[in-house]
Amino acid sequence: MAKPSPLQVRNIVVAIAAVGAAIWNLSMGGPVWLTAMFGVGCVLAVASAVLNGRGDKA
């Protein structure tokens, strides 16, 4: 398994932070739309990490 690039690591950290923020927001009774925005951010960060890893397989 190849070592992840710094950009992939950053994207994974952002995804984990977004999940944590979404869970915190839900547990504190925050607005649902804000939780949805954190969820979208998490999905985009994971997708970016996956797509950035495909170019290194040449």
Protein backbone atom coordinates (compact mmCIF):
# COMPACT_ATOMS: atom_id res chain seq x y z
CA MET A 1 0.00 0.00 0.00
CA ALA A 2 1.40 3.37 -1.03
CA LYS A 3 2.11 6.14 1.43
CA PRO A 4 -0.58 8.87 1.25
CA SER A 5 0.44 12.25 -0.07
CA PRO A 6 0.33 15.31 2.20
CA LEU A 7 -2.78 16.50 0.36
CA GLN A 8 -4.53 13.20 1.03
CA VAL A 9 -3.59 13.36 4.70
CA ARG A 10 -4.96 16.91 4.92
CA ASN A 11 -8.21 15.83 3.28
CA ILE A 12 -8.60 12.90 5.67
CA VAL A 13 -7.98 15.19 8.66
CA VAL A 14 -10.59 17.63 7.35
CA ALA A 15 -13.08 14.77 6.90
CA ILE A 16 -12.53 13.56 10.47
CA ALA A 17 -12.90 17.12 11.78
CA ALA A 18 -16.13 17.57 9.80
CA VAL A 19 -17.58 14.36 11.25
CA GLY A 20 -16.59 15.46 14.75
CA ALA A 21 -18.16 18.88 14.24
CA ALA A 22 -21.35 17.32 12.88
CA ILE A 23 -21.64 14.95 15.85
CA TRP A 24 -20.94 17.80 18.27
CA ASN A 25 -23.52 20.01 16.54
CA LEU A 26 -26.18 17.30 16.71
CA SER A 27 -25.45 16.50 20.34
CA MET A 28 -25.67 20.19 21.32
CA GLY A 29 -29.01 20.62 19.53
CA GLY A 30 -27.64 22.77 16.72
CA PRO A 31 -29.43 23.46 13.47
CA VAL A 32 -29.87 20.51 11.11
CA TRP A 33 -28.77 22.52 8.08
CA LEU A 34 -25.38 23.11 9.70
CA THR A 35 -24.97 19.39 10.35
CA ALA A 36 -25.85 18.76 6.70
CA MET A 37 -23.15 21.23 5.62
CA PHE A 38 -20.58 19.40 7.77
CA GLY A 39 -21.72 16.15 6.15
CA VAL A 40 -21.27 17.56 2.66
CA GLY A 41 -17.82 18.81 3.63
CA CYS A 42 -16.91 15.36 4.88
CA VAL A 43 -18.05 13.68 1.66
CA LEU A 44 -16.15 16.21 -0.48
CA ALA A 45 -12.96 15.81 1.57
CA VAL A 46 -13.07 12.01 1.32
CA ALA A 47 -13.79 12.19 -2.42
CA SER A 48 -10.87 14.57 -2.89
CA ALA A 49 -8.53 12.25 -0.98
CA VAL A 50 -9.60 9.31 -3.14
CA LEU A 51 -9.31 11.21 -6.41
CA ASN A 52 -5.91 12.68 -5.52
CA GLY A 53 -4.58 9.21 -4.92
CA ARG A 54 -5.40 7.87 -8.39
CA GLY A 55 -2.70 9.85 -10.21
CA ASP A 56 0.15 8.18 -8.29
CA LYS A 57 -0.41 4.68 -9.72
CA ALA A 58 1.42 5.26 -13.01
